[in-house]
Amino acid sequence: MVSYKSGFNQIQRRMEHLASCEICGKAKTVGNHVSHANNRVKKEIRPNIRRKKLVIGGTAKTVSICTRCLRSGNFR
């Protein structure tokens, strides 16, 4: 039997994989949100990832690609 915790970890790993570009490897980064009072709070900066069906090497594949790669045509 699979416990709730291990199932959650599998989902979390899958979401981390989806949150990265398969072409350039861009993934989430962690930084600080700094208020006017200089309070620092951790924030997560995620790339703009889209799931697109692209023709790569003569075959159609569904890939996770960032909008920068999509716009510049880096997937060809």
C-alpha atoms as a PDB file:
ATOM      1  CA  MET A   1       0.000   0.000   0.000  1.00  0.00           C
ATOM      2  CA  VAL A   2       1.281   3.460  -0.915  1.00  0.00           C
ATOM      3  CA  SER A   3       1.126   5.981   1.892  1.00  0.00           C
ATOM      4  CA  TYR A   4      -0.174   9.492   1.431  1.00  0.00           C
ATOM      5  CA  LYS A   5       3.294  10.957   2.026  1.00  0.00           C
ATOM      6  CA  SER A   6       5.008   8.950  -0.723  1.00  0.00           C
ATOM      7  CA  GLY A   7       2.182   9.690  -3.160  1.00  0.00           C
ATOM      8  CA  PHE A   8       2.523  13.389  -2.425  1.00  0.00           C
ATOM      9  CA  ASN A   9       6.292  13.223  -3.041  1.00  0.00           C
ATOM     10  CA  GLN A  10       5.700  11.601  -6.435  1.00  0.00           C
ATOM     11  CA  ILE A  11       3.260  14.343  -7.396  1.00  0.00           C
ATOM     12  CA  GLN A  12       5.666  17.011  -6.177  1.00  0.00           C
ATOM     13  CA  ARG A  13       8.537  15.552  -8.243  1.00  0.00           C
ATOM     14  CA  ARG A  14       6.288  15.425 -11.312  1.00  0.00           C
ATOM     15  CA  MET A  15       5.282  19.067 -10.823  1.00  0.00           C
ATOM     16  CA  GLU A  16       8.936  20.090 -10.481  1.00  0.00           C
ATOM     17  CA  HIS A  17       9.675  18.310 -13.753  1.00  0.00           C
ATOM     18  CA  LEU A  18       6.807  20.121 -15.460  1.00  0.00           C
ATOM     19  CA  ALA A  19       8.051  23.446 -14.111  1.00  0.00           C
ATOM     20  CA  SER A  20      11.252  23.279 -16.163  1.00  0.00           C
ATOM     21  CA  CYS A  21      11.924  23.842 -19.848  1.00  0.00           C
ATOM     22  CA  GLU A  22      12.955  20.673 -21.703  1.00  0.00           C
ATOM     23  CA  ILE A  23      14.889  22.727 -24.270  1.00  0.00           C
ATOM     24  CA  CYS A  24      17.026  25.166 -22.244  1.00  0.00           C
ATOM     25  CA  GLY A  25      16.613  23.651 -18.762  1.00  0.00           C
ATOM     26  CA  LYS A  26      15.261  26.829 -17.189  1.00  0.00           C
ATOM     27  CA  ALA A  27      13.645  25.975 -13.840  1.00  0.00           C
ATOM     28  CA  LYS A  28      12.302  27.705 -10.765  1.00  0.00           C
ATOM     29  CA  THR A  29      14.600  29.855  -8.660  1.00  0.00           C
ATOM     30  CA  VAL A  30      14.295  31.115  -5.105  1.00  0.00           C
ATOM     31  CA  GLY A  31      14.837  34.703  -4.052  1.00  0.00           C
ATOM     32  CA  ASN A  32      13.711  37.313  -1.558  1.00  0.00           C
ATOM     33  CA  HIS A  33      10.779  39.691  -1.748  1.00  0.00           C
ATOM     34  CA  VAL A  34      12.052  42.847  -0.038  1.00  0.00           C
ATOM     35  CA  SER A  35       9.487  45.308   1.321  1.00  0.00           C
ATOM     36  CA  HIS A  36       9.955  49.027   1.813  1.00  0.00           C
ATOM     37  CA  ALA A  37      10.655  48.301   5.506  1.00  0.00           C
ATOM     38  CA  ASN A  38      13.426  45.922   4.329  1.00  0.00           C
ATOM     39  CA  ASN A  39      11.537  42.830   5.528  1.00  0.00           C
ATOM     40  CA  ARG A  40      12.660  39.785   3.571  1.00  0.00           C
ATOM     41  CA  VAL A  41      10.311  36.958   2.642  1.00  0.00           C
ATOM     42  CA  LYS A  42      11.275  33.973   0.482  1.00  0.00           C
ATOM     43  CA  LYS A  43       9.573  33.829  -2.881  1.00  0.00           C
ATOM     44  CA  GLU A  44       9.657  31.364  -5.741  1.00  0.00           C
ATOM     45  CA  ILE A  45      10.238  32.678  -9.263  1.00  0.00           C
ATOM     46  CA  ARG A  46       8.846  30.273 -11.855  1.00  0.00           C
ATOM     47  CA  PRO A  47       9.433  30.376 -15.622  1.00  0.00           C
ATOM     48  CA  ASN A  48       6.496  30.736 -18.004  1.00  0.00           C
ATOM     49  CA  ILE A  49       6.159  27.096 -19.128  1.00  0.00           C
ATOM     50  CA  ARG A  50       3.718  25.891 -21.781  1.00  0.00           C
ATOM     51  CA  ARG A  51       2.890  22.355 -22.907  1.00  0.00           C
ATOM     52  CA  LYS A  52       3.088  22.371 -26.722  1.00  0.00           C
ATOM     53  CA  LYS A  53       3.039  19.707 -29.396  1.00  0.00           C
ATOM     54  CA  LEU A  54       6.070  20.388 -31.602  1.00  0.00           C
ATOM     55  CA  VAL A  55       7.712  18.624 -34.515  1.00  0.00           C
ATOM     56  CA  ILE A  56      11.253  17.842 -33.391  1.00  0.00           C
ATOM     57  CA  GLY A  57      13.431  15.685 -35.614  1.00  0.00           C
ATOM     58  CA  GLY A  58      10.514  14.753 -37.869  1.00  0.00           C
ATOM     59  CA  THR A  59       8.320  13.396 -35.059  1.00  0.00           C
ATOM     60  CA  ALA A  60       5.560  15.181 -33.134  1.00  0.00           C
ATOM     61  CA  LYS A  61       6.250  15.383 -29.393  1.00  0.00           C
ATOM     62  CA  THR A  62       4.483  17.119 -26.523  1.00  0.00           C
ATOM     63  CA  VAL A  63       7.114  19.050 -24.590  1.00  0.00           C
ATOM     64  CA  SER A  64       7.274  21.527 -21.719  1.00  0.00           C
ATOM     65  CA  ILE A  65       8.840  24.624 -23.227  1.00  0.00           C
ATOM     66  CA  CYS A  66       9.370  28.138 -21.881  1.00  0.00           C
ATOM     67  CA  THR A  67       7.896  31.012 -23.838  1.00  0.00           C
ATOM     68  CA  ARG A  68      11.330  32.478 -24.544  1.00  0.00           C
ATOM     69  CA  CYS A  69      12.419  29.298 -26.380  1.00  0.00           C
ATOM     70  CA  LEU A  70       9.053  29.133 -28.120  1.00  0.00           C
ATOM     71  CA  ARG A  71       9.300  32.743 -29.289  1.00  0.00           C
ATOM     72  CA  SER A  72      12.915  32.502 -30.447  1.00  0.00           C
ATOM     73  CA  GLY A  73      12.460  29.124 -32.182  1.00  0.00           C
ATOM     74  CA  ASN A  74      15.135  27.297 -30.166  1.00  0.00           C
ATOM     75  CA  PHE A  75      13.274  23.980 -30.469  1.00  0.00           C
ATOM     76  CA  ARG A  76      14.175  23.377 -34.121  1.00  0.00           C
END
